[in-house]
Amino acid sequence: MNQIRNRSRQGLRDWMESTTNVTLFTEWASFEDSHTLKVGNQRIIGKQIYINTGTRPLAPPIEGLEKVPWMDSAGLLDLEKLP
């Protein structure tokens, strides 16, 4: 499963980097207004801005979570047998 996931992630990145009129930024960004995006120290202005944020698992801030067995999507994909 991890091989499939990692191959898919790299394939998407390769496709975006090789596509004409697509610029891939891998930094934190924030909107300054509806047509201006600040990425790192750069400002990007455009009629349309597409953002692919990707996903990563995050443990919610639940008191006592560290005391119980829990699993996120990454841990689930790392399992070698069904739970």
PDB file of N, CA and C in Angstrom:
ATOM      1  N   MET A   1       0.824  -1.183   0.000  1.00  0.00           N
ATOM      2  CA  MET A   1       0.000   0.000   0.000  1.00  0.00           C
ATOM      3  C   MET A   1       0.873   1.253   0.000  1.00  0.00           C
ATOM      4  N   ASN A   2       1.925   1.257   0.808  1.00  0.00           N
ATOM      5  CA  ASN A   2       2.799   2.428   0.842  1.00  0.00           C
ATOM      6  C   ASN A   2       3.490   2.650  -0.492  1.00  0.00           C
ATOM      7  N   GLN A   3       3.846   1.576  -1.193  1.00  0.00           N
ATOM      8  CA  GLN A   3       4.464   1.719  -2.516  1.00  0.00           C
ATOM      9  C   GLN A   3       3.493   2.395  -3.478  1.00  0.00           C
ATOM     10  N   ILE A   4       2.236   1.988  -3.449  1.00  0.00           N
ATOM     11  CA  ILE A   4       1.218   2.587  -4.313  1.00  0.00           C
ATOM     12  C   ILE A   4       1.035   4.060  -3.948  1.00  0.00           C
ATOM     13  N   ARG A   5       0.911   4.335  -2.658  1.00  0.00           N
ATOM     14  CA  ARG A   5       0.712   5.712  -2.192  1.00  0.00           C
ATOM     15  C   ARG A   5       1.889   6.604  -2.584  1.00  0.00           C
ATOM     16  N   ASN A   6       3.105   6.133  -2.342  1.00  0.00           N
ATOM     17  CA  ASN A   6       4.295   6.939  -2.656  1.00  0.00           C
ATOM     18  C   ASN A   6       4.484   7.117  -4.154  1.00  0.00           C
ATOM     19  N   ARG A   7       4.189   6.085  -4.942  1.00  0.00           N
ATOM     20  CA  ARG A   7       4.306   6.186  -6.396  1.00  0.00           C
ATOM     21  C   ARG A   7       3.286   7.183  -6.935  1.00  0.00           C
ATOM     22  N   SER A   8       2.089   7.173  -6.370  1.00  0.00           N
ATOM     23  CA  SER A   8       1.051   8.110  -6.797  1.00  0.00           C
ATOM     24  C   SER A   8       1.450   9.541  -6.468  1.00  0.00           C
ATOM     25  N   ARG A   9       1.982   9.759  -5.277  1.00  0.00           N
ATOM     26  CA  ARG A   9       2.409  11.101  -4.861  1.00  0.00           C
ATOM     27  C   ARG A   9       3.512  11.615  -5.777  1.00  0.00           C
ATOM     28  N   GLN A  10       4.513  10.782  -6.055  1.00  0.00           N
ATOM     29  CA  GLN A  10       5.625  11.200  -6.908  1.00  0.00           C
ATOM     30  C   GLN A  10       5.158  11.411  -8.342  1.00  0.00           C
ATOM     31  N   GLY A  11       4.230  10.574  -8.806  1.00  0.00           N
ATOM     32  CA  GLY A  11       3.695  10.721 -10.155  1.00  0.00           C
ATOM     33  C   GLY A  11       2.971  12.038 -10.335  1.00  0.00           C
ATOM     34  N   LEU A  12       2.188  12.440  -9.327  1.00  0.00           N
ATOM     35  CA  LEU A  12       1.483  13.722  -9.394  1.00  0.00           C
ATOM     36  C   LEU A  12       2.477  14.869  -9.417  1.00  0.00           C
ATOM     37  N   ARG A  13       3.498  14.798  -8.595  1.00  0.00           N
ATOM     38  CA  ARG A  13       4.512  15.851  -8.555  1.00  0.00           C
ATOM     39  C   ARG A  13       5.246  15.944  -9.892  1.00  0.00           C
ATOM     40  N   ASP A  14       5.654  14.802 -10.445  1.00  0.00           N
ATOM     41  CA  ASP A  14       6.341  14.786 -11.736  1.00  0.00           C
ATOM     42  C   ASP A  14       5.471  15.387 -12.829  1.00  0.00           C
ATOM     43  N   TRP A  15       4.185  15.030 -12.821  1.00  0.00           N
ATOM     44  CA  TRP A  15       3.265  15.544 -13.833  1.00  0.00           C
ATOM     45  C   TRP A  15       3.143  17.065 -13.716  1.00  0.00           C
ATOM     46  N   MET A  16       2.966  17.576 -12.486  1.00  0.00           N
ATOM     47  CA  MET A  16       2.822  19.017 -12.305  1.00  0.00           C
ATOM     48  C   MET A  16       4.086  19.756 -12.724  1.00  0.00           C
ATOM     49  N   GLU A  17       5.251  19.223 -12.387  1.00  0.00           N
ATOM     50  CA  GLU A  17       6.513  19.889 -12.731  1.00  0.00           C
ATOM     51  C   GLU A  17       6.778  19.903 -14.230  1.00  0.00           C
ATOM     52  N   SER A  18       6.186  18.951 -14.966  1.00  0.00           N
ATOM     53  CA  SER A  18       6.444  18.878 -16.403  1.00  0.00           C
ATOM     54  C   SER A  18       5.324  19.501 -17.247  1.00  0.00           C
ATOM     55  N   THR A  19       4.285  20.000 -16.621  1.00  0.00           N
ATOM     56  CA  THR A  19       3.146  20.558 -17.336  1.00  0.00           C
ATOM     57  C   THR A  19       3.376  22.040 -17.643  1.00  0.00           C
ATOM     58  N   THR A  20       3.140  22.414 -18.900  1.00  0.00           N
ATOM     59  CA  THR A  20       3.264  23.800 -19.320  1.00  0.00           C
ATOM     60  C   THR A  20       2.270  24.662 -18.555  1.00  0.00           C
ATOM     61  N   ASN A  21       2.682  25.856 -18.187  1.00  0.00           N
ATOM     62  CA  ASN A  21       1.844  26.829 -17.481  1.00  0.00           C
ATOM     63  C   ASN A  21       1.453  26.401 -16.066  1.00  0.00           C
ATOM     64  N   VAL A  22       2.193  25.449 -15.488  1.00  0.00           N
ATOM     65  CA  VAL A  22       1.979  25.053 -14.096  1.00  0.00           C
ATOM     66  C   VAL A  22       3.280  25.295 -13.346  1.00  0.00           C
ATOM     67  N   THR A  23       3.184  26.001 -12.236  1.00  0.00           N
ATOM     68  CA  THR A  23       4.338  26.228 -11.379  1.00  0.00           C
ATOM     69  C   THR A  23       4.042  25.600 -10.029  1.00  0.00           C
ATOM     70  N   LEU A  24       4.899  24.717  -9.587  1.00  0.00           N
ATOM     71  CA  LEU A  24       4.706  24.013  -8.325  1.00  0.00           C
ATOM     72  C   LEU A  24       5.505  24.715  -7.230  1.00  0.00           C
ATOM     73  N   PHE A  25       4.814  25.131  -6.180  1.00  0.00           N
ATOM     74  CA  PHE A  25       5.449  25.720  -5.009  1.00  0.00           C
ATOM     75  C   PHE A  25       5.252  24.757  -3.846  1.00  0.00           C
ATOM     76  N   THR A  26       6.281  24.546  -3.071  1.00  0.00           N
ATOM     77  CA  THR A  26       6.168  23.639  -1.924  1.00  0.00           C
ATOM     78  C   THR A  26       6.513  24.382  -0.641  1.00  0.00           C
ATOM     79  N   GLU A  27       5.860  25.508  -0.458  1.00  0.00           N
ATOM     80  CA  GLU A  27       6.068  26.345   0.722  1.00  0.00           C
ATOM     81  C   GLU A  27       4.719  26.691   1.338  1.00  0.00           C
ATOM     82  N   TRP A  28       4.755  27.225   2.550  1.00  0.00           N
ATOM     83  CA  TRP A  28       3.546  27.731   3.174  1.00  0.00           C
ATOM     84  C   TRP A  28       3.053  28.937   2.383  1.00  0.00           C
ATOM     85  N   ALA A  29       1.739  29.086   2.313  1.00  0.00           N
ATOM     86  CA  ALA A  29       1.152  30.192   1.560  1.00  0.00           C
ATOM     87  C   ALA A  29      -0.076  30.717   2.292  1.00  0.00           C
ATOM     88  N   SER A  30      -0.451  31.945   1.930  1.00  0.00           N
ATOM     89  CA  SER A  30      -1.680  32.521   2.474  1.00  0.00           C
ATOM     90  C   SER A  30      -2.238  33.516   1.460  1.00  0.00           C
ATOM     91  N   PHE A  31      -3.555  33.630   1.429  1.00  0.00           N
ATOM     92  CA  PHE A  31      -4.197  34.603   0.539  1.00  0.00           C
ATOM     93  C   PHE A  31      -4.101  35.988   1.150  1.00  0.00           C
ATOM     94  N   GLU A  32      -3.730  36.946   0.320  1.00  0.00           N
ATOM     95  CA  GLU A  32      -3.758  38.348   0.734  1.00  0.00           C
ATOM     96  C   GLU A  32      -5.071  38.989   0.309  1.00  0.00           C
ATOM     97  N   ASP A  33      -5.627  38.544  -0.809  1.00  0.00           N
ATOM     98  CA  ASP A  33      -6.960  38.928  -1.252  1.00  0.00           C
ATOM     99  C   ASP A  33      -7.425  37.835  -2.212  1.00  0.00           C
ATOM    100  N   SER A  34      -8.540  38.047  -2.894  1.00  0.00           N
ATOM    101  CA  SER A  34      -9.122  36.980  -3.706  1.00  0.00           C
ATOM    102  C   SER A  34      -8.295  36.596  -4.935  1.00  0.00           C
ATOM    103  N   HIS A  35      -7.314  37.409  -5.303  1.00  0.00           N
ATOM    104  CA  HIS A  35      -6.493  37.094  -6.473  1.00  0.00           C
ATOM    105  C   HIS A  35      -4.998  37.153  -6.187  1.00  0.00           C
ATOM    106  N   THR A  36      -4.618  37.281  -4.919  1.00  0.00           N
ATOM    107  CA  THR A  36      -3.204  37.390  -4.566  1.00  0.00           C
ATOM    108  C   THR A  36      -2.856  36.368  -3.497  1.00  0.00           C
ATOM    109  N   LEU A  37      -1.828  35.611  -3.770  1.00  0.00           N
ATOM    110  CA  LEU A  37      -1.357  34.580  -2.857  1.00  0.00           C
ATOM    111  C   LEU A  37       0.083  34.879  -2.493  1.00  0.00           C
ATOM    112  N   LYS A  38       0.398  34.885  -1.216  1.00  0.00           N
ATOM    113  CA  LYS A  38       1.774  35.065  -0.787  1.00  0.00           C
ATOM    114  C   LYS A  38       2.354  33.684  -0.501  1.00  0.00           C
ATOM    115  N   VAL A  39       3.414  33.336  -1.241  1.00  0.00           N
ATOM    116  CA  VAL A  39       4.082  32.041  -1.107  1.00  0.00           C
ATOM    117  C   VAL A  39       5.526  32.320  -0.729  1.00  0.00           C
ATOM    118  N   GLY A  40       5.899  31.988   0.505  1.00  0.00           N
ATOM    119  CA  GLY A  40       7.238  32.348   0.954  1.00  0.00           C
ATOM    120  C   GLY A  40       7.365  33.856   0.898  1.00  0.00           C
ATOM    121  N   ASN A  41       8.364  34.352   0.176  1.00  0.00           N
ATOM    122  CA  ASN A  41       8.560  35.796   0.005  1.00  0.00           C
ATOM    123  C   ASN A  41       7.995  36.320  -1.311  1.00  0.00           C
ATOM    124  N   GLN A  42       7.325  35.461  -2.079  1.00  0.00           N
ATOM    125  CA  GLN A  42       6.788  35.856  -3.387  1.00  0.00           C
ATOM    126  C   GLN A  42       5.293  36.150  -3.290  1.00  0.00           C
ATOM    127  N   ARG A  43       4.829  37.036  -4.146  1.00  0.00           N
ATOM    128  CA  ARG A  43       3.398  37.288  -4.298  1.00  0.00           C
ATOM    129  C   ARG A  43       2.994  36.805  -5.683  1.00  0.00           C
ATOM    130  N   ILE A  44       1.947  36.026  -5.724  1.00  0.00           N
ATOM    131  CA  ILE A  44       1.438  35.480  -6.981  1.00  0.00           C
ATOM    132  C   ILE A  44       0.050  36.071  -7.198  1.00  0.00           C
ATOM    133  N   ILE A  45      -0.145  36.669  -8.362  1.00  0.00           N
ATOM    134  CA  ILE A  45      -1.431  37.265  -8.704  1.00  0.00           C
ATOM    135  C   ILE A  45      -1.992  36.513  -9.900  1.00  0.00           C
ATOM    136  N   GLY A  46      -3.242  36.125  -9.823  1.00  0.00           N
ATOM    137  CA  GLY A  46      -3.842  35.408 -10.937  1.00  0.00           C
ATOM    138  C   GLY A  46      -5.347  35.439 -10.882  1.00  0.00           C
ATOM    139  N   LYS A  47      -5.951  35.289 -12.044  1.00  0.00           N
ATOM    140  CA  LYS A  47      -7.407  35.225 -12.121  1.00  0.00           C
ATOM    141  C   LYS A  47      -7.910  33.962 -11.426  1.00  0.00           C
ATOM    142  N   GLN A  48      -7.167  32.864 -11.638  1.00  0.00           N
ATOM    143  CA  GLN A  48      -7.508  31.592 -10.997  1.00  0.00           C
ATOM    144  C   GLN A  48      -6.250  31.026 -10.353  1.00  0.00           C
ATOM    145  N   ILE A  49      -6.363  30.620  -9.104  1.00  0.00           N
ATOM    146  CA  ILE A  49      -5.259  30.004  -8.383  1.00  0.00           C
ATOM    147  C   ILE A  49      -5.755  28.664  -7.863  1.00  0.00           C
ATOM    148  N   TYR A  50      -5.053  27.590  -8.204  1.00  0.00           N
ATOM    149  CA  TYR A  50      -5.419  26.245  -7.774  1.00  0.00           C
ATOM    150  C   TYR A  50      -4.450  25.781  -6.699  1.00  0.00           C
ATOM    151  N   ILE A  51      -5.001  25.281  -5.626  1.00  0.00           N
ATOM    152  CA  ILE A  51      -4.169  24.843  -4.512  1.00  0.00           C
ATOM    153  C   ILE A  51      -4.426  23.366  -4.251  1.00  0.00           C
ATOM    154  N   ASN A  52      -3.359  22.582  -4.276  1.00  0.00           N
ATOM    155  CA  ASN A  52      -3.430  21.175  -3.904  1.00  0.00           C
ATOM    156  C   ASN A  52      -2.643  21.048  -2.615  1.00  0.00           C
ATOM    157  N   THR A  53      -3.343  20.999  -1.501  1.00  0.00           N
ATOM    158  CA  THR A  53      -2.669  21.001  -0.214  1.00  0.00           C
ATOM    159  C   THR A  53      -2.106  19.647   0.175  1.00  0.00           C
ATOM    160  N   GLY A  54      -2.597  18.578  -0.462  1.00  0.00           N
ATOM    161  CA  GLY A  54      -2.164  17.263  -0.022  1.00  0.00           C
ATOM    162  C   GLY A  54      -2.737  16.972   1.357  1.00  0.00           C
ATOM    163  N   THR A  55      -2.391  15.842   1.904  1.00  0.00           N
ATOM    164  CA  THR A  55      -2.897  15.483   3.225  1.00  0.00           C
ATOM    165  C   THR A  55      -1.817  14.771   4.021  1.00  0.00           C
ATOM    166  N   ARG A  56      -1.893  14.941   5.303  1.00  0.00           N
ATOM    167  CA  ARG A  56      -1.046  14.220   6.250  1.00  0.00           C
ATOM    168  C   ARG A  56      -1.886  13.982   7.489  1.00  0.00           C
ATOM    169  N   PRO A  57      -1.735  12.823   8.099  1.00  0.00           N
ATOM    170  CA  PRO A  57      -2.511  12.568   9.314  1.00  0.00           C
ATOM    171  C   PRO A  57      -2.060  13.481  10.458  1.00  0.00           C
ATOM    172  N   LEU A  58      -2.992  13.827  11.315  1.00  0.00           N
ATOM    173  CA  LEU A  58      -2.707  14.681  12.459  1.00  0.00           C
ATOM    174  C   LEU A  58      -3.515  14.169  13.644  1.00  0.00           C
ATOM    175  N   ALA A  59      -2.850  13.948  14.755  1.00  0.00           N
ATOM    176  CA  ALA A  59      -3.555  13.512  15.957  1.00  0.00           C
ATOM    177  C   ALA A  59      -4.325  14.701  16.533  1.00  0.00           C
ATOM    178  N   PRO A  60      -5.619  14.527  16.766  1.00  0.00           N
ATOM    179  CA  PRO A  60      -6.390  15.634  17.327  1.00  0.00           C
ATOM    180  C   PRO A  60      -5.986  15.875  18.783  1.00  0.00           C
ATOM    181  N   PRO A  61      -6.140  17.095  19.266  1.00  0.00           N
ATOM    182  CA  PRO A  61      -5.754  17.396  20.645  1.00  0.00           C
ATOM    183  C   PRO A  61      -6.785  16.878  21.648  1.00  0.00           C
ATOM    184  N   ILE A  62      -6.778  15.569  21.864  1.00  0.00           N
ATOM    185  CA  ILE A  62      -7.719  14.936  22.785  1.00  0.00           C
ATOM    186  C   ILE A  62      -6.956  14.525  24.040  1.00  0.00           C
ATOM    187  N   GLU A  63      -7.405  15.019  25.173  1.00  0.00           N
ATOM    188  CA  GLU A  63      -6.746  14.688  26.431  1.00  0.00           C
ATOM    189  C   GLU A  63      -6.773  13.173  26.659  1.00  0.00           C
ATOM    190  N   GLY A  64      -5.625  12.600  26.953  1.00  0.00           N
ATOM    191  CA  GLY A  64      -5.513  11.172  27.230  1.00  0.00           C
ATOM    192  C   GLY A  64      -5.275  10.315  26.002  1.00  0.00           C
ATOM    193  N   LEU A  65      -5.235  10.899  24.823  1.00  0.00           N
ATOM    194  CA  LEU A  65      -5.055  10.119  23.603  1.00  0.00           C
ATOM    195  C   LEU A  65      -3.788   9.281  23.652  1.00  0.00           C
ATOM    196  N   GLU A  66      -2.725   9.841  24.231  1.00  0.00           N
ATOM    197  CA  GLU A  66      -1.456   9.128  24.282  1.00  0.00           C
ATOM    198  C   GLU A  66      -1.522   7.892  25.180  1.00  0.00           C
ATOM    199  N   LYS A  67      -2.576   7.746  25.959  1.00  0.00           N
ATOM    200  CA  LYS A  67      -2.699   6.622  26.892  1.00  0.00           C
ATOM    201  C   LYS A  67      -3.471   5.446  26.313  1.00  0.00           C
ATOM    202  N   VAL A  68      -4.030   5.606  25.132  1.00  0.00           N
ATOM    203  CA  VAL A  68      -4.833   4.534  24.528  1.00  0.00           C
ATOM    204  C   VAL A  68      -4.290   4.180  23.145  1.00  0.00           C
ATOM    205  N   PRO A  69      -4.504   2.944  22.700  1.00  0.00           N
ATOM    206  CA  PRO A  69      -4.079   2.609  21.331  1.00  0.00           C
ATOM    207  C   PRO A  69      -4.993   3.311  20.326  1.00  0.00           C
ATOM    208  N   TRP A  70      -4.418   4.012  19.386  1.00  0.00           N
ATOM    209  CA  TRP A  70      -5.181   4.698  18.354  1.00  0.00           C
ATOM    210  C   TRP A  70      -4.415   4.591  17.047  1.00  0.00           C
ATOM    211  N   MET A  71      -5.097   4.848  15.970  1.00  0.00           N
ATOM    212  CA  MET A  71      -4.473   4.688  14.662  1.00  0.00           C
ATOM    213  C   MET A  71      -4.951   5.791  13.740  1.00  0.00           C
ATOM    214  N   ASP A  72      -4.012   6.347  12.972  1.00  0.00           N
ATOM    215  CA  ASP A  72      -4.377   7.308  11.934  1.00  0.00           C
ATOM    216  C   ASP A  72      -4.259   6.603  10.583  1.00  0.00           C
ATOM    217  N   SER A  73      -4.494   7.338   9.509  1.00  0.00           N
ATOM    218  CA  SER A  73      -4.484   6.711   8.182  1.00  0.00           C
ATOM    219  C   SER A  73      -3.101   6.171   7.811  1.00  0.00           C
ATOM    220  N   ALA A  74      -2.031   6.832   8.238  1.00  0.00           N
ATOM    221  CA  ALA A  74      -0.683   6.335   7.932  1.00  0.00           C
ATOM    222  C   ALA A  74      -0.426   5.033   8.674  1.00  0.00           C
ATOM    223  N   GLY A  75      -0.808   4.974   9.940  1.00  0.00           N
ATOM    224  CA  GLY A  75      -0.631   3.743  10.708  1.00  0.00           C
ATOM    225  C   GLY A  75      -1.446   2.603  10.134  1.00  0.00           C
ATOM    226  N   LEU A  76      -2.647   2.905   9.686  1.00  0.00           N
ATOM    227  CA  LEU A  76      -3.497   1.887   9.073  1.00  0.00           C
ATOM    228  C   LEU A  76      -2.838   1.309   7.826  1.00  0.00           C
ATOM    229  N   LEU A  77      -2.256   2.157   7.000  1.00  0.00           N
ATOM    230  CA  LEU A  77      -1.606   1.677   5.773  1.00  0.00           C
ATOM    231  C   LEU A  77      -0.308   0.935   6.052  1.00  0.00           C
ATOM    232  N   ASP A  78       0.255   1.112   7.249  1.00  0.00           N
ATOM    233  CA  ASP A  78       1.480   0.406   7.607  1.00  0.00           C
ATOM    234  C   ASP A  78       1.228  -0.996   8.151  1.00  0.00           C
ATOM    235  N   LEU A  79      -0.026  -1.330   8.433  1.00  0.00           N
ATOM    236  CA  LEU A  79      -0.338  -2.652   8.979  1.00  0.00           C
ATOM    237  C   LEU A  79       0.037  -3.741   7.974  1.00  0.00           C
ATOM    238  N   GLU A  80       0.568  -4.822   8.496  1.00  0.00           N
ATOM    239  CA  GLU A  80       0.911  -5.956   7.638  1.00  0.00           C
ATOM    240  C   GLU A  80      -0.172  -7.016   7.606  1.00  0.00           C
ATOM    241  N   LYS A  81      -1.141  -6.955   8.549  1.00  0.00           N
ATOM    242  CA  LYS A  81      -2.292  -7.862   8.505  1.00  0.00           C
ATOM    243  C   LYS A  81      -3.510  -7.101   8.978  1.00  0.00           C
ATOM    244  N   LEU A  82      -4.676  -7.599   8.625  1.00  0.00           N
ATOM    245  CA  LEU A  82      -5.915  -6.934   8.982  1.00  0.00           C
ATOM    246  C   LEU A  82      -6.086  -6.884  10.485  1.00  0.00           C
ATOM    247  N   PRO A  83      -6.610  -5.794  11.016  1.00  0.00           N
ATOM    248  CA  PRO A  83      -6.826  -5.706  12.477  1.00  0.00           C
ATOM    249  C   PRO A  83      -7.973  -6.614  12.911  1.00  0.00           C
TER     250      PRO A  83
END
